[in-house]
C-alpha atoms as a PDB file:
ATOM      1  CA  MET A   1      96.469 115.460  80.536  1.00  0.00           C
ATOM      2  CA  GLN A   2      99.080 115.632  83.306  1.00  0.00           C
ATOM      3  CA  SER A   3      98.391 113.726  86.511  1.00  0.00           C
ATOM      4  CA  ASN A   4      99.162 115.312  89.879  1.00  0.00           C
ATOM      5  CA  ARG A   5      98.768 111.941  91.520  1.00  0.00           C
ATOM      6  CA  ARG A   6     101.383 110.663  93.957  1.00  0.00           C
ATOM      7  CA  ALA A   7     101.704 107.054  95.071  1.00  0.00           C
ATOM      8  CA  VAL A   8     103.708 105.176  97.660  1.00  0.00           C
ATOM      9  CA  ALA A   9     103.758 101.389  97.886  1.00  0.00           C
ATOM     10  CA  LEU A  10     104.662  99.530 101.044  1.00  0.00           C
ATOM     11  CA  GLU A  11     105.966  96.002 101.363  1.00  0.00           C
ATOM     12  CA  TYR A  12     105.081  94.077 104.473  1.00  0.00           C
ATOM     13  CA  GLY A  13     104.850  90.476 105.510  1.00  0.00           C
ATOM     14  CA  ALA A  14     108.293  89.038 105.057  1.00  0.00           C
ATOM     15  CA  ARG A  15     109.775  91.817 107.181  1.00  0.00           C
ATOM     16  CA  GLU A  16     109.152  92.963 110.741  1.00  0.00           C
ATOM     17  CA  THR A  17     108.422  96.543 109.678  1.00  0.00           C
ATOM     18  CA  PRO A  18     106.827  97.794 106.453  1.00  0.00           C
ATOM     19  CA  VAL A  19     109.274  99.303 103.979  1.00  0.00           C
ATOM     20  CA  VAL A  20     108.761 101.681 101.079  1.00  0.00           C
ATOM     21  CA  SER A  21     108.878  99.611  97.897  1.00  0.00           C
ATOM     22  CA  ALA A  22     107.874 102.268  95.342  1.00  0.00           C
ATOM     23  CA  ILE A  23     107.393 106.037  95.205  1.00  0.00           C
ATOM     24  CA  GLY A  24     106.224 108.073  92.262  1.00  0.00           C
ATOM     25  CA  ASP A  25     104.460 111.138  90.915  1.00  0.00           C
ATOM     26  CA  GLY A  26     102.385 111.595  87.790  1.00  0.00           C
ATOM     27  CA  GLU A  27     102.821 108.778  85.270  1.00  0.00           C
ATOM     28  CA  VAL A  28     105.009 106.766  87.643  1.00  0.00           C
ATOM     29  CA  ALA A  29     102.292 107.013  90.308  1.00  0.00           C
ATOM     30  CA  GLU A  30      99.719 105.827  87.776  1.00  0.00           C
ATOM     31  CA  ARG A  31     101.904 102.807  86.933  1.00  0.00           C
ATOM     32  CA  ILE A  32     102.360 101.973  90.629  1.00  0.00           C
ATOM     33  CA  ILE A  33      98.587 102.091  91.144  1.00  0.00           C
ATOM     34  CA  GLU A  34      97.933 100.102  87.961  1.00  0.00           C
ATOM     35  CA  GLU A  35     100.381  97.379  89.037  1.00  0.00           C
ATOM     36  CA  ALA A  36      98.843  97.249  92.513  1.00  0.00           C
ATOM     37  CA  ARG A  37      95.376  96.793  91.018  1.00  0.00           C
ATOM     38  CA  ARG A  38      96.691  94.122  88.638  1.00  0.00           C
ATOM     39  CA  ARG A  39      98.061  92.211  91.629  1.00  0.00           C
ATOM     40  CA  GLY A  40      94.861  92.622  93.646  1.00  0.00           C
ATOM     41  CA  VAL A  41      96.480  94.933  96.186  1.00  0.00           C
ATOM     42  CA  TYR A  42      94.032  97.182  97.999  1.00  0.00           C
ATOM     43  CA  ILE A  43      94.592 100.880  97.475  1.00  0.00           C
ATOM     44  CA  THR A  44      93.681 103.663  99.842  1.00  0.00           C
ATOM     45  CA  SER A  45      93.885 107.406  99.440  1.00  0.00           C
ATOM     46  CA  ASP A  46      95.364 109.361 102.324  1.00  0.00           C
ATOM     47  CA  PRO A  47      97.151 112.464 101.015  1.00  0.00           C
ATOM     48  CA  GLN A  48      98.770 113.275 104.369  1.00  0.00           C
ATOM     49  CA  LEU A  49     100.155 109.767 104.808  1.00  0.00           C
ATOM     50  CA  VAL A  50     101.386 109.678 101.192  1.00  0.00           C
ATOM     51  CA  SER A  51     103.101 113.031 101.728  1.00  0.00           C
ATOM     52  CA  LEU A  52     104.927 111.713 104.799  1.00  0.00           C
ATOM     53  CA  LEU A  53     105.814 108.351 103.259  1.00  0.00           C
ATOM     54  CA  SER A  54     107.058 109.938 100.048  1.00  0.00           C
ATOM     55  CA  GLN A  55     109.795 111.682 102.047  1.00  0.00           C
ATOM     56  CA  LEU A  56     111.349 108.271 102.785  1.00  0.00           C
ATOM     57  CA  GLN A  57     113.867 106.436 100.614  1.00  0.00           C
ATOM     58  CA  LEU A  58     113.178 103.209  98.714  1.00  0.00           C
ATOM     59  CA  GLU A  59     113.647 100.157 100.934  1.00  0.00           C
ATOM     60  CA  GLN A  60     113.563 102.364 104.040  1.00  0.00           C
ATOM     61  CA  GLU A  61     111.561 101.053 106.986  1.00  0.00           C
ATOM     62  CA  ILE A  62     108.730 103.295 108.048  1.00  0.00           C
ATOM     63  CA  PRO A  63     109.628 105.346 111.127  1.00  0.00           C
ATOM     64  CA  GLU A  64     107.958 104.675 114.466  1.00  0.00           C
ATOM     65  CA  GLU A  65     106.035 107.955 114.178  1.00  0.00           C
ATOM     66  CA  LEU A  66     104.060 106.439 111.274  1.00  0.00           C
ATOM     67  CA  TYR A  67     103.380 103.020 112.826  1.00  0.00           C
ATOM     68  CA  ALA A  68      99.819 103.862 113.942  1.00  0.00           C
ATOM     69  CA  ALA A  69      98.793 105.363 110.584  1.00  0.00           C
ATOM     70  CA  VAL A  70     100.290 102.499 108.570  1.00  0.00           C
ATOM     71  CA  ALA A  71      98.834  99.921 110.991  1.00  0.00           C
ATOM     72  CA  ALA A  72      95.365 101.377 110.378  1.00  0.00           C
ATOM     73  CA  VAL A  73      95.803 100.972 106.609  1.00  0.00           C
ATOM     74  CA  LEU A  74      97.217  97.453 106.971  1.00  0.00           C
ATOM     75  CA  SER A  75      94.425  96.374 109.324  1.00  0.00           C
ATOM     76  CA  TRP A  76      91.876  97.589 106.754  1.00  0.00           C
ATOM     77  CA  ALA A  77      93.624  95.595 104.003  1.00  0.00           C
ATOM     78  CA  TYR A  78      93.754  92.474 106.188  1.00  0.00           C
ATOM     79  CA  TRP A  79      90.076  92.844 107.066  1.00  0.00           C
ATOM     80  CA  LEU A  80      89.080  93.188 103.398  1.00  0.00           C
ATOM     81  CA  ARG A  81      90.946  89.960 102.610  1.00  0.00           C
ATOM     82  CA  GLY A  82      89.537  88.101 105.612  1.00  0.00           C
ATOM     83  CA  MET A  83      93.060  87.736 107.005  1.00  0.00           C
ATOM     84  CA  VAL A  84      94.793  88.331 110.309  1.00  0.00           C
ATOM     85  CA  PRO A  85      98.420  89.380 110.801  1.00  0.00           C
ATOM     86  CA  GLY A  86     100.646  86.368 110.274  1.00  0.00           C
ATOM     87  CA  ASP A  87      98.515  84.912 107.463  1.00  0.00           C
ATOM     88  CA  GLU A  88     100.834  86.524 104.904  1.00  0.00           C
ATOM     89  CA  LYS A  89     103.627  84.270 106.125  1.00  0.00           C
ATOM     90  CA  ARG A  90     101.497  81.212 105.353  1.00  0.00           C
ATOM     91  CA  ARG A  91     100.197  82.310 101.941  1.00  0.00           C
ATOM     92  CA  PRO A  92     101.161  84.989  99.400  1.00  0.00           C
ATOM     93  CA  ILE A  93      99.432  88.338 100.082  1.00  0.00           C
ATOM     94  CA  ASP A  94      98.413  88.685  96.422  1.00  0.00           C
ATOM     95  CA  ALA A  95      96.984  85.166  96.126  1.00  0.00           C
END
């Protein structure tokens, strides 16, 4: 069975602005999601945001136009972990 799934991973914490750390379709997307789950990274599904982020290059900072959308996702992930911005600099995000 072929997967139509698309995934984009963002890296944030050590940098000022989130950057694209992985992009993939199909099996590659499944591996990105599997690795995120293995590391305890929260996953959200937002097809529009994934479509926009997947147009970026690896290691590219997200553009200002996407700050609000990415901030909403990051704030949700922080909330689920009981963290506030800045905590990631004191302890690993996947701890």
